[in-house]
Protein backbone atom coordinates (compact mmCIF):
# COMPACT_ATOMS: atom_id res chain seq x y z
CA MET A 1 0.02 0.07 0.06
CA GLY A 2 3.11 2.60 0.77
CA ASP A 3 3.81 2.24 -3.20
CA SER A 4 0.27 2.87 -4.22
CA VAL A 5 0.70 5.93 -1.98
CA LYS A 6 4.08 7.24 -3.32
CA ARG A 7 2.96 6.56 -6.74
CA PHE A 8 -0.51 8.77 -6.42
CA GLY A 9 1.56 11.34 -4.60
CA LYS A 10 3.81 11.82 -7.84
CA PHE A 11 1.15 12.06 -9.98
CA VAL A 12 -1.02 14.93 -7.80
CA SER A 13 2.48 16.45 -8.07
CA GLY A 14 3.04 16.25 -11.67
CA ALA A 15 -0.38 17.83 -12.37
CA MET A 16 -0.15 20.48 -10.13
CA ALA A 17 3.39 21.20 -11.27
CA VAL A 18 1.14 21.64 -15.23
CA ALA A 19 -1.30 23.53 -13.84
CA ALA A 20 0.87 26.12 -12.32
CA LEU A 21 2.58 26.55 -15.72
CA THR A 22 -0.80 26.60 -17.73
CA LEU A 23 -1.91 29.59 -15.64
CA ALA A 24 1.66 31.18 -15.06
CA ALA A 25 1.90 31.24 -19.06
CA GLY A 26 -1.77 32.97 -18.67
CA THR A 27 -3.22 30.12 -21.44
CA ALA A 28 -5.75 27.24 -20.80
CA PRO A 29 -4.98 23.71 -21.86
CA VAL A 30 -5.99 22.97 -25.50
CA GLN A 31 -8.62 20.59 -26.16
CA ALA A 32 -9.41 19.22 -29.33
CA GLN A 33 -12.53 19.21 -30.86
CA SER A 34 -14.65 17.54 -33.21
CA ALA A 35 -18.28 18.69 -35.38
CA PRO A 36 -20.52 15.44 -34.06
CA PRO A 37 -21.02 13.02 -36.59
CA THR A 38 -23.98 13.92 -39.02
CA ALA A 39 -26.24 10.43 -39.55
CA GLY A 40 -29.12 11.17 -42.16
CA SER A 41 -31.18 14.06 -43.14
CA VAL A 42 -34.83 14.50 -42.61
CA ASN A 43 -37.33 14.55 -45.10
CA TRP A 44 -40.59 16.34 -44.96
CA GLY A 45 -43.35 17.60 -46.92
CA LEU A 46 -47.65 18.02 -46.78
CA TRP A 47 -49.26 14.87 -47.54
CA VAL A 48 -53.14 15.49 -48.34
CA ASP A 49 -55.59 12.15 -47.17
CA HIS A 50 -58.08 10.90 -49.03
CA ASP A 51 -60.94 13.50 -47.46
CA GLY A 52 -58.62 16.40 -48.97
CA CYS A 53 -57.17 17.20 -45.25
CA MET A 54 -53.38 18.50 -45.56
CA HIS A 55 -50.78 17.12 -42.79
CA TRP A 56 -47.37 18.21 -42.39
CA TRP A 57 -45.17 15.64 -41.98
CA ALA A 58 -41.46 14.61 -41.14
CA ASP A 59 -39.04 11.72 -41.13
CA GLY A 60 -35.78 11.26 -40.01
CA GLY A 61 -35.74 7.38 -41.56
CA LEU A 62 -35.59 6.24 -37.85
CA GLU A 63 -38.97 7.54 -36.39
CA GLY A 64 -41.56 9.62 -38.78
CA TYR A 65 -44.42 12.18 -37.42
CA MET A 66 -47.12 14.09 -38.71
CA LEU A 67 -49.19 17.03 -37.83
CA ASP A 68 -52.56 18.15 -39.00
CA ARG A 69 -51.97 21.45 -40.78
CA VAL A 70 -54.49 23.98 -39.21
CA ASP A 71 -55.63 27.48 -39.72
CA PRO A 72 -53.67 29.39 -37.15
CA GLU A 73 -56.82 31.95 -36.66
CA THR A 74 -60.08 29.22 -36.11
CA GLY A 75 -57.31 25.96 -35.36
CA LYS A 76 -59.45 23.93 -37.71
CA PRO A 77 -57.64 21.51 -40.17
CA VAL A 78 -57.08 23.00 -43.76
CA CYS A 79 -58.85 20.88 -46.29
CA LEU A 80 -59.45 21.12 -49.86
CA GLN A 81 -62.27 20.73 -52.18
CA LYS A 82 -62.39 17.37 -53.83
CA ASN A 83 -64.46 16.35 -56.80
CA THR A 84 -64.14 13.73 -59.55
CA CYS A 85 -62.30 16.06 -62.40
CA LEU A 86 -61.81 12.98 -64.71
CA VAL A 87 -63.20 9.68 -66.00
CA GLU A 88 -62.04 8.10 -68.72
CA ASN A 89 -62.76 5.12 -70.76
CA THR A 90 -59.85 2.36 -70.70
CA ASP A 91 -60.59 1.90 -73.94
CA THR A 92 -59.68 5.02 -75.30
CA LEU A 93 -56.31 5.46 -72.90
CA PHE A 94 -54.92 2.03 -73.59
CA VAL A 95 -53.95 -0.58 -75.90
CA THR A 96 -56.50 -3.78 -75.26
CA ASP A 97 -55.55 -5.55 -72.20
CA GLY A 98 -52.11 -3.95 -71.16
CA HIS A 99 -51.26 -0.59 -69.35
CA ARG A 100 -49.30 1.03 -72.38
CA LEU A 101 -50.74 3.96 -73.45
CA THR A 102 -52.02 4.99 -76.86
CA ALA A 103 -50.82 7.76 -78.20
CA SER A 104 -53.78 9.87 -78.11
CA GLY A 105 -54.67 8.71 -74.64
CA ARG A 106 -51.35 9.91 -73.61
CA SER A 107 -51.93 13.64 -75.32
CA ARG A 108 -55.49 13.64 -74.14
CA LEU A 109 -54.09 13.03 -70.52
CA GLU A 110 -51.06 15.25 -70.88
CA ASN A 111 -53.63 18.13 -72.04
CA PHE A 112 -55.64 17.43 -68.93
CA PHE A 113 -53.23 17.62 -65.85
CA GLN A 114 -51.10 20.87 -68.03
CA SER A 115 -54.75 22.94 -67.55
CA ALA A 116 -56.21 21.33 -64.81
CA GLY A 117 -54.61 23.40 -62.29
CA ALA A 118 -55.44 21.43 -59.02
CA PHE A 119 -53.31 21.36 -55.74
CA GLY A 120 -52.74 17.25 -56.19
CA TYR A 121 -54.75 14.37 -57.47
CA ALA A 122 -55.99 10.92 -56.90
CA ILE A 123 -55.84 8.91 -59.47
CA TYR A 124 -57.99 5.52 -59.20
CA GLY A 125 -58.14 2.28 -62.13
CA HIS A 126 -61.17 0.19 -62.44
CA THR A 127 -61.65 -2.85 -64.55
CA ASP A 128 -64.85 -5.22 -65.66
CA ALA A 129 -65.09 -8.40 -64.29
CA ARG A 130 -63.78 -10.59 -67.44
CA ALA A 131 -60.50 -11.86 -65.77
CA SER A 132 -59.36 -13.07 -62.49
CA ASP A 133 -59.85 -10.69 -59.66
CA GLU A 134 -56.08 -10.68 -59.26
CA TYR A 135 -55.37 -10.07 -62.43
CA ASN A 136 -58.01 -6.97 -62.52
CA MET A 137 -56.57 -5.78 -59.20
CA ARG A 138 -53.25 -5.92 -61.28
CA LEU A 139 -54.15 -4.88 -64.38
CA SER A 140 -56.05 -1.15 -62.84
CA GLN A 141 -52.74 -0.70 -60.72
CA ARG A 142 -50.20 -0.67 -63.57
CA ARG A 143 -53.07 1.61 -65.60
CA ALA A 144 -53.14 3.97 -62.27
CA ALA A 145 -49.27 3.77 -62.22
CA SER A 146 -49.17 5.28 -65.99
CA VAL A 147 -51.70 7.83 -65.67
CA ALA A 148 -49.50 9.07 -62.82
CA LYS A 149 -46.69 8.98 -64.52
CA VAL A 150 -47.93 11.29 -66.99
CA ALA A 151 -49.53 13.81 -64.50
CA ARG A 152 -46.03 13.62 -63.19
CA SER A 153 -43.81 14.38 -65.97
CA VAL A 154 -46.23 17.65 -66.83
CA GLY A 155 -45.23 19.06 -62.86
CA ALA A 156 -48.50 17.61 -61.36
CA VAL A 157 -48.45 16.72 -57.69
CA VAL A 158 -50.16 13.06 -57.27
CA GLU A 159 -51.17 12.14 -53.63
CA ARG A 160 -52.11 8.41 -55.03
CA GLU A 161 -52.72 5.94 -56.87
CA ILE A 162 -54.51 3.11 -56.50
CA GLY A 163 -56.01 -0.10 -58.73
CA TYR A 164 -59.30 -1.42 -57.42
CA GLY A 165 -59.58 -3.74 -60.25
CA GLU A 166 -63.69 -5.21 -60.76
CA ARG A 167 -64.48 -4.21 -57.03
CA GLN A 168 -66.08 -1.11 -57.62
CA PRO A 169 -68.29 -1.34 -60.62
CA ARG A 170 -70.46 1.92 -61.73
CA ALA A 171 -72.48 -0.84 -63.36
CA THR A 172 -73.19 -4.23 -64.00
CA ASN A 173 -70.52 -6.47 -65.39
CA SER A 174 -73.39 -8.63 -67.44
CA THR A 175 -73.45 -6.69 -70.45
CA ALA A 176 -71.73 -5.10 -73.01
CA GLU A 177 -72.76 -1.98 -71.87
CA GLY A 178 -71.86 -2.37 -68.30
CA MET A 179 -68.54 -3.82 -68.80
CA ARG A 180 -67.85 -0.61 -71.13
CA GLN A 181 -67.88 1.60 -68.38
CA ASN A 182 -66.42 -0.24 -65.56
CA ARG A 183 -63.46 0.22 -67.72
CA ARG A 184 -61.96 3.56 -66.55
CA VAL A 185 -59.57 5.44 -64.85
CA GLU A 186 -60.73 8.00 -62.51
CA VAL A 187 -59.35 11.67 -61.37
CA VAL A 188 -59.71 13.07 -58.37
CA CYS A 189 -58.35 16.92 -58.38
CA TYR A 190 -58.01 18.72 -54.82
CA THR A 191 -58.25 22.19 -55.23
CA TRP A 192 -58.77 25.18 -52.92
CA ASP A 193 -62.18 26.46 -51.77
CA ASP A 194 -62.49 29.34 -53.87
CA ARG A 195 -61.68 27.32 -57.66
C-alpha cells in the first residue's frame, strides 16, 4: 500500500506542476474538439389525405411524425375541395388488355393535367370482371401508375394512385355496355375552396 500512495503523490504533484505552468503562461490547455457526426437527413413535406385535408410530415429514417395543418386563426384543419374531375374509359387510353398508353391517350392526359390546375390529384384504376380478381387488381394498378407517370411528367402532384380492379363497378358486368362503363380511370382533383 505504501508504493501506491507514493505513486499517487507523484501523480498529484505532476498534475499540480502542469496546472501551475499553464496558469503562469496565461493560457488554458487546448482540447481538440470535432463536430458531432451527422447521421442521415430529415425528409419533410405536405400530405393530402383521402378527404382532402392537409398534414405536415417529417421522417428522419428512424422515426417519423405527422401533424394536421390547421388554420392559425380558427384552429380548424386546412382541407381542400375534392371532386372527380376526369372519368376516362380505358378503351380510349390503353392498348387492349394492357397498361401501355396509346399516343392519343397520352396526349389527352398531358393536356388534361396541364390545364386542370389542381393542387394535387388522386388516380384510381378500374376494370370489368372478365378476368380473375387478382389479374384485374394488377392491371388496374398498372394503369393507375401509367396515368400518374404522365401527370408527374408535366409537373402535377399525384397524392395517390390505386387500382381497384373489378371491386367498384359503376354498372353491371353482365352486359357489354356495363363492362365498358366499368373499364375506366378516375382522376380526383384537390383544389382550394375558391376554384
